[in-house]
Amino acid sequence: MPAKKLSDAEIQAVLSKLPGWKIVNGKLHREYECKDFVAAFGNMTRVALVAEAMNHHPEWFNVWNKVMIDLVTHSVKGISDYDFVLAEKIEEIFTPPRPIFPDEKK
C-alpha cells in the first residue's frame, strides 16, 4: 500500500499521541539520549532492521549517546502515515518498558 501524505490537522492529531516527537523543518523529529554509545548504536541497529523491513528509512545522526531522528516520506513530499508507523516502532525500541511497581526491589 503506498504512503498517504497527511494533512496538517491529521499530523497534529497523531502527533499528540507521541510524546517527545515534534515537527521540525517539515519533518517528524525526535532526539533520544541513551546511557552510552553502545546502547545508542544498538538501538539504531534495531531501528535499521525495522526500517529495512518497512522499506522506509530514517534520516538520523548519532554522537556518542545521542541519536537525532527525522522522518519524512520523500515519495509524497511530506509526512505520511508511514512516518508515524515507524515513529511508534522507534519509540518502542528507544523507550524501555517501565516497571509496574517502580519502588519494588527485587
N, C-alpha and C. Protein backbone atom coordinates (compact mmCIF):
# COMPACT_ATOMS: atom_id res chain seq x y z
N MET A 1 0.85 -1.17 0.00
CA MET A 1 0.00 0.00 0.00
C MET A 1 0.90 1.25 0.00
N PRO A 2 0.67 2.17 -0.89
CA PRO A 2 1.50 3.38 -0.94
C PRO A 2 1.27 4.28 0.28
N ALA A 3 2.30 5.07 0.57
CA ALA A 3 2.20 6.01 1.69
C ALA A 3 1.14 7.06 1.40
N LYS A 4 0.47 7.50 2.46
CA LYS A 4 -0.55 8.55 2.34
C LYS A 4 -0.03 9.81 3.01
N LYS A 5 0.10 10.89 2.23
CA LYS A 5 0.52 12.16 2.81
C LYS A 5 -0.57 12.65 3.76
N LEU A 6 -0.15 13.11 4.94
CA LEU A 6 -1.10 13.56 5.94
C LEU A 6 -1.25 15.08 5.89
N SER A 7 -2.46 15.53 6.17
CA SER A 7 -2.72 16.97 6.26
C SER A 7 -2.15 17.48 7.59
N ASP A 8 -2.04 18.79 7.73
CA ASP A 8 -1.56 19.37 8.98
C ASP A 8 -2.44 18.95 10.15
N ALA A 9 -3.74 18.92 9.96
CA ALA A 9 -4.67 18.52 11.02
C ALA A 9 -4.45 17.06 11.41
N GLU A 10 -4.26 16.19 10.42
CA GLU A 10 -4.02 14.77 10.70
C GLU A 10 -2.69 14.60 11.44
N ILE A 11 -1.68 15.35 11.02
CA ILE A 11 -0.37 15.27 11.69
C ILE A 11 -0.50 15.67 13.15
N GLN A 12 -1.17 16.78 13.43
CA GLN A 12 -1.32 17.25 14.80
C GLN A 12 -2.10 16.26 15.66
N ALA A 13 -3.11 15.63 15.08
CA ALA A 13 -3.92 14.65 15.82
C ALA A 13 -3.07 13.45 16.23
N VAL A 14 -2.26 12.94 15.32
CA VAL A 14 -1.44 11.77 15.62
C VAL A 14 -0.25 12.16 16.49
N LEU A 15 0.30 13.33 16.24
CA LEU A 15 1.46 13.81 16.99
C LEU A 15 1.16 13.90 18.48
N SER A 16 -0.06 14.23 18.83
CA SER A 16 -0.43 14.36 20.23
C SER A 16 -0.34 13.03 20.98
N LYS A 17 -0.28 11.92 20.24
CA LYS A 17 -0.19 10.59 20.85
C LYS A 17 1.25 10.10 20.96
N LEU A 18 2.21 10.91 20.49
CA LEU A 18 3.62 10.52 20.52
C LEU A 18 4.44 11.55 21.30
N PRO A 19 4.49 11.45 22.62
CA PRO A 19 5.24 12.41 23.41
C PRO A 19 6.71 12.46 22.98
N GLY A 20 7.25 13.66 22.94
CA GLY A 20 8.65 13.83 22.57
C GLY A 20 8.89 14.07 21.09
N TRP A 21 7.94 13.70 20.27
CA TRP A 21 8.06 13.92 18.82
C TRP A 21 7.47 15.29 18.49
N LYS A 22 8.08 15.97 17.53
CA LYS A 22 7.59 17.27 17.09
C LYS A 22 7.92 17.46 15.62
N ILE A 23 7.38 18.49 15.03
CA ILE A 23 7.67 18.81 13.64
C ILE A 23 8.79 19.85 13.62
N VAL A 24 9.86 19.54 12.91
CA VAL A 24 11.00 20.45 12.74
C VAL A 24 11.38 20.46 11.27
N ASN A 25 11.34 21.63 10.66
CA ASN A 25 11.69 21.77 9.24
C ASN A 25 10.89 20.82 8.34
N GLY A 26 9.60 20.65 8.65
CA GLY A 26 8.73 19.83 7.83
C GLY A 26 8.93 18.33 7.98
N LYS A 27 9.63 17.94 9.05
CA LYS A 27 9.89 16.51 9.28
C LYS A 27 9.48 16.15 10.70
N LEU A 28 9.10 14.89 10.88
CA LEU A 28 8.80 14.37 12.21
C LEU A 28 10.15 14.15 12.90
N HIS A 29 10.34 14.77 14.06
CA HIS A 29 11.66 14.82 14.70
C HIS A 29 11.61 14.36 16.15
N ARG A 30 12.68 13.64 16.54
CA ARG A 30 12.80 13.20 17.95
C ARG A 30 14.27 13.02 18.24
N GLU A 31 14.65 13.35 19.48
CA GLU A 31 16.01 13.12 19.94
C GLU A 31 15.97 12.20 21.16
N TYR A 32 16.90 11.27 21.19
CA TYR A 32 17.00 10.33 22.30
C TYR A 32 18.38 10.43 22.92
N GLU A 33 18.44 10.20 24.22
CA GLU A 33 19.71 10.11 24.92
C GLU A 33 19.76 8.74 25.59
N CYS A 34 20.77 7.98 25.25
CA CYS A 34 20.94 6.63 25.79
C CYS A 34 22.04 6.65 26.85
N LYS A 35 22.24 5.52 27.51
CA LYS A 35 23.22 5.50 28.60
C LYS A 35 24.65 5.61 28.08
N ASP A 36 24.92 5.15 26.85
CA ASP A 36 26.26 5.25 26.28
C ASP A 36 26.19 4.98 24.78
N PHE A 37 27.34 4.98 24.13
CA PHE A 37 27.40 4.79 22.68
C PHE A 37 26.87 3.42 22.26
N VAL A 38 27.22 2.39 23.01
CA VAL A 38 26.79 1.04 22.64
C VAL A 38 25.27 0.93 22.67
N ALA A 39 24.65 1.50 23.68
CA ALA A 39 23.17 1.47 23.77
C ALA A 39 22.56 2.25 22.61
N ALA A 40 23.12 3.43 22.31
CA ALA A 40 22.60 4.24 21.21
C ALA A 40 22.73 3.50 19.89
N PHE A 41 23.90 2.96 19.62
CA PHE A 41 24.13 2.27 18.36
C PHE A 41 23.33 0.97 18.28
N GLY A 42 23.17 0.29 19.41
CA GLY A 42 22.35 -0.92 19.43
C GLY A 42 20.91 -0.62 19.07
N ASN A 43 20.37 0.47 19.63
CA ASN A 43 19.00 0.87 19.30
C ASN A 43 18.89 1.26 17.84
N MET A 44 19.90 1.97 17.33
CA MET A 44 19.89 2.34 15.91
C MET A 44 19.89 1.09 15.02
N THR A 45 20.63 0.08 15.43
CA THR A 45 20.68 -1.17 14.66
C THR A 45 19.31 -1.84 14.65
N ARG A 46 18.64 -1.85 15.79
CA ARG A 46 17.29 -2.43 15.86
C ARG A 46 16.32 -1.64 14.97
N VAL A 47 16.42 -0.31 15.00
CA VAL A 47 15.58 0.52 14.14
C VAL A 47 15.90 0.24 12.67
N ALA A 48 17.17 0.08 12.34
CA ALA A 48 17.56 -0.18 10.95
C ALA A 48 16.89 -1.45 10.42
N LEU A 49 16.78 -2.47 11.23
CA LEU A 49 16.13 -3.71 10.80
C LEU A 49 14.64 -3.50 10.54
N VAL A 50 14.00 -2.76 11.42
CA VAL A 50 12.57 -2.45 11.25
C VAL A 50 12.37 -1.59 10.01
N ALA A 51 13.20 -0.56 9.86
CA ALA A 51 13.09 0.36 8.73
C ALA A 51 13.29 -0.37 7.41
N GLU A 52 14.25 -1.26 7.37
CA GLU A 52 14.51 -2.02 6.14
C GLU A 52 13.33 -2.91 5.81
N ALA A 53 12.74 -3.55 6.82
CA ALA A 53 11.57 -4.39 6.59
C ALA A 53 10.39 -3.58 6.05
N MET A 54 10.30 -2.31 6.49
CA MET A 54 9.22 -1.43 6.01
C MET A 54 9.58 -0.75 4.69
N ASN A 55 10.86 -0.83 4.30
CA ASN A 55 11.39 -0.08 3.16
C ASN A 55 11.10 1.42 3.35
N HIS A 56 11.34 1.87 4.58
CA HIS A 56 11.11 3.27 4.94
C HIS A 56 12.22 3.67 5.90
N HIS A 57 13.14 4.49 5.44
CA HIS A 57 14.38 4.71 6.17
C HIS A 57 14.47 6.11 6.78
N PRO A 58 14.93 6.18 8.03
CA PRO A 58 15.03 7.47 8.71
C PRO A 58 16.25 8.27 8.24
N GLU A 59 16.16 9.57 8.46
CA GLU A 59 17.34 10.42 8.39
C GLU A 59 17.77 10.54 9.84
N TRP A 60 19.02 10.24 10.14
CA TRP A 60 19.43 10.29 11.53
C TRP A 60 20.88 10.67 11.69
N PHE A 61 21.21 11.01 12.94
CA PHE A 61 22.54 11.48 13.28
C PHE A 61 22.84 10.99 14.68
N ASN A 62 24.06 10.51 14.91
CA ASN A 62 24.44 9.96 16.21
C ASN A 62 25.78 10.54 16.65
N VAL A 63 25.82 11.00 17.89
CA VAL A 63 27.07 11.38 18.54
C VAL A 63 27.04 10.75 19.93
N TRP A 64 27.99 9.90 20.20
CA TRP A 64 28.13 9.15 21.43
C TRP A 64 26.80 8.57 21.89
N ASN A 65 26.14 9.15 22.90
CA ASN A 65 24.92 8.55 23.44
C ASN A 65 23.64 9.21 22.91
N LYS A 66 23.78 10.13 21.98
CA LYS A 66 22.62 10.86 21.46
C LYS A 66 22.29 10.41 20.03
N VAL A 67 20.99 10.28 19.77
CA VAL A 67 20.51 9.93 18.43
C VAL A 67 19.41 10.91 18.07
N MET A 68 19.57 11.58 16.94
CA MET A 68 18.57 12.51 16.44
C MET A 68 17.95 11.88 15.19
N ILE A 69 16.63 11.85 15.14
CA ILE A 69 15.92 11.16 14.06
C ILE A 69 14.93 12.11 13.40
N ASP A 70 14.94 12.13 12.07
CA ASP A 70 13.95 12.85 11.28
C ASP A 70 13.26 11.85 10.36
N LEU A 71 11.95 11.95 10.29
CA LEU A 71 11.17 11.09 9.40
C LEU A 71 10.36 11.95 8.44
N VAL A 72 10.45 11.62 7.18
CA VAL A 72 9.68 12.28 6.13
C VAL A 72 9.59 11.29 4.97
N THR A 73 8.50 11.35 4.22
CA THR A 73 8.32 10.44 3.10
C THR A 73 8.58 11.20 1.81
N HIS A 74 9.71 10.94 1.22
CA HIS A 74 10.11 11.69 0.02
C HIS A 74 9.15 11.46 -1.15
N SER A 75 8.58 10.25 -1.25
CA SER A 75 7.69 9.95 -2.38
C SER A 75 6.41 10.78 -2.37
N VAL A 76 5.99 11.26 -1.18
CA VAL A 76 4.78 12.09 -1.11
C VAL A 76 5.14 13.55 -0.80
N LYS A 77 6.43 13.82 -0.67
CA LYS A 77 6.93 15.17 -0.39
C LYS A 77 6.33 15.75 0.90
N GLY A 78 6.35 14.94 1.94
CA GLY A 78 5.83 15.39 3.22
C GLY A 78 5.77 14.26 4.23
N ILE A 79 5.07 14.49 5.31
CA ILE A 79 4.91 13.50 6.37
C ILE A 79 3.73 12.59 6.02
N SER A 80 3.97 11.30 6.14
CA SER A 80 2.94 10.32 5.78
C SER A 80 2.60 9.41 6.95
N ASP A 81 1.62 8.57 6.72
CA ASP A 81 1.25 7.56 7.71
C ASP A 81 2.43 6.64 8.01
N TYR A 82 3.29 6.36 7.03
CA TYR A 82 4.47 5.51 7.24
C TYR A 82 5.39 6.11 8.30
N ASP A 83 5.52 7.44 8.29
CA ASP A 83 6.39 8.09 9.25
C ASP A 83 5.92 7.84 10.68
N PHE A 84 4.62 7.89 10.88
CA PHE A 84 4.09 7.66 12.22
C PHE A 84 4.16 6.19 12.62
N VAL A 85 3.99 5.28 11.68
CA VAL A 85 4.15 3.86 12.00
C VAL A 85 5.59 3.60 12.44
N LEU A 86 6.55 4.13 11.68
CA LEU A 86 7.95 3.95 12.05
C LEU A 86 8.26 4.66 13.37
N ALA A 87 7.73 5.83 13.59
CA ALA A 87 7.97 6.56 14.84
C ALA A 87 7.49 5.74 16.04
N GLU A 88 6.35 5.09 15.92
CA GLU A 88 5.84 4.26 17.02
C GLU A 88 6.78 3.09 17.29
N LYS A 89 7.30 2.49 16.24
CA LYS A 89 8.23 1.37 16.41
C LYS A 89 9.55 1.86 17.01
N ILE A 90 10.01 3.03 16.59
CA ILE A 90 11.23 3.62 17.15
C ILE A 90 11.04 3.89 18.63
N GLU A 91 9.89 4.42 18.97
CA GLU A 91 9.58 4.72 20.37
C GLU A 91 9.65 3.45 21.22
N GLU A 92 9.12 2.35 20.71
CA GLU A 92 9.16 1.07 21.43
C GLU A 92 10.60 0.62 21.65
N ILE A 93 11.46 0.86 20.67
CA ILE A 93 12.86 0.43 20.76
C ILE A 93 13.65 1.31 21.73
N PHE A 94 13.49 2.61 21.64
CA PHE A 94 14.30 3.53 22.45
C PHE A 94 13.75 3.76 23.85
N THR A 95 12.47 3.49 24.08
CA THR A 95 11.88 3.73 25.38
C THR A 95 11.65 2.39 26.07
N PRO A 96 12.48 2.08 27.06
CA PRO A 96 12.32 0.79 27.73
C PRO A 96 11.02 0.72 28.51
N PRO A 97 10.47 -0.48 28.66
CA PRO A 97 9.23 -0.62 29.43
C PRO A 97 9.47 -0.19 30.88
N ARG A 98 8.46 0.43 31.45
CA ARG A 98 8.56 0.87 32.83
C ARG A 98 7.99 -0.20 33.75
N PRO A 99 8.63 -0.39 34.90
CA PRO A 99 8.11 -1.40 35.83
C PRO A 99 6.74 -0.99 36.36
N ILE A 100 5.93 -1.99 36.65
CA ILE A 100 4.60 -1.73 37.18
C ILE A 100 4.70 -1.12 38.57
N PHE A 101 5.65 -1.61 39.37
CA PHE A 101 5.85 -1.13 40.72
C PHE A 101 7.27 -0.58 40.81
N PRO A 102 7.47 0.70 40.47
CA PRO A 102 8.83 1.24 40.41
C PRO A 102 9.59 1.23 41.72
N ASP A 103 8.90 1.23 42.85
CA ASP A 103 9.59 1.24 44.15
C ASP A 103 9.91 -0.16 44.66
N GLU A 104 9.40 -1.16 43.97
CA GLU A 104 9.61 -2.53 44.41
C GLU A 104 11.04 -2.96 44.09
N LYS A 105 11.73 -3.55 45.05
CA LYS A 105 13.11 -4.04 44.85
C LYS A 105 13.07 -5.54 44.70
N LYS A 106 13.93 -6.02 43.82
CA LYS A 106 13.99 -7.49 43.60
C LYS A 106 15.08 -8.10 44.39
